[in-house]
Amino acid sequence: MWAGERALILNSRGDLILAKLSPEGYREVGRAKVIDDTWAAPAFAGGCVFARNDTEIVCVPLGK
């Protein structure tokens, strides 16, 4: 998902990554472990990212 000029990425290890993507390349701005291994795509609603795996679901509020 795009967040302004940056991308929010949830990888399969459960890391939520904020990155800047440009023709020059990938630059990671921040990373946080939000859930254990996941295969599901995240959902975005109400200023939050929702991530799930086989046993849990988490809501991660996004700041400005």
Protein backbone atom coordinates (compact mmCIF):
# COMPACT_ATOMS: atom_id res chain seq x y z
CA MET A 1 0.00 0.00 0.00
CA TRP A 2 1.20 3.49 -0.75
CA ALA A 3 1.49 5.89 2.19
CA GLY A 4 2.17 9.23 0.58
CA GLU A 5 5.50 8.87 -1.21
CA ARG A 6 6.38 5.67 0.68
CA ALA A 7 5.19 2.07 0.55
CA LEU A 8 3.93 -0.09 3.44
CA ILE A 9 4.96 -3.70 2.96
CA LEU A 10 4.08 -6.75 5.11
CA ASN A 11 6.51 -9.58 4.42
CA SER A 12 5.98 -13.28 5.09
CA ARG A 13 8.07 -13.09 8.29
CA GLY A 14 5.54 -10.64 9.77
CA ASP A 15 7.64 -7.49 9.41
CA LEU A 16 5.78 -4.29 8.54
CA ILE A 17 8.18 -2.22 6.44
CA LEU A 18 8.02 1.44 5.48
CA ALA A 19 10.10 1.98 2.34
CA LYS A 20 10.79 4.60 -0.25
CA LEU A 21 10.63 3.19 -3.79
CA SER A 22 12.11 5.16 -6.66
CA PRO A 23 13.81 4.59 -10.00
CA GLU A 24 17.09 4.81 -8.08
CA GLY A 25 16.08 1.83 -5.90
CA TYR A 26 14.65 0.66 -2.59
CA ARG A 27 15.38 2.52 0.66
CA GLU A 28 14.01 1.15 3.91
CA VAL A 29 12.79 3.87 6.26
CA GLY A 30 11.53 1.69 9.13
CA ARG A 31 10.64 -1.86 10.13
CA ALA A 32 8.65 -3.46 12.97
CA LYS A 33 7.79 -7.09 13.72
CA VAL A 34 3.98 -7.12 14.05
CA ILE A 35 3.05 -10.83 13.81
CA ASP A 36 4.67 -14.25 13.45
CA ASP A 37 4.98 -15.82 10.00
CA THR A 38 2.04 -14.93 7.78
CA TRP A 39 0.82 -15.85 4.33
CA ALA A 40 -2.17 -13.48 4.20
CA ALA A 41 -2.26 -10.07 2.57
CA PRO A 42 -2.74 -7.21 5.04
CA ALA A 43 -5.90 -5.12 5.23
CA PHE A 44 -5.97 -1.36 5.75
CA ALA A 45 -8.88 0.47 7.41
CA GLY A 46 -9.46 3.34 9.80
CA GLY A 47 -5.81 4.33 9.98
CA CYS A 48 -4.73 0.79 10.92
CA VAL A 49 -3.04 -2.20 9.30
CA PHE A 50 -4.61 -5.57 10.07
CA ALA A 51 -2.40 -8.64 9.74
CA ARG A 52 -3.25 -12.27 10.42
CA ASN A 53 -1.79 -15.73 10.42
CA ASP A 54 -3.24 -19.15 11.30
CA THR A 55 -3.66 -18.34 15.00
CA GLU A 56 -4.03 -14.59 15.51
CA ILE A 57 -4.97 -11.23 14.06
CA VAL A 58 -3.37 -7.92 15.01
CA CYS A 59 -4.30 -4.29 14.51
CA VAL A 60 -1.39 -1.88 14.09
CA PRO A 61 -2.35 1.82 14.31
CA LEU A 62 -0.49 3.97 11.79
CA GLY A 63 0.77 7.35 12.96
CA LYS A 64 1.22 10.36 10.74
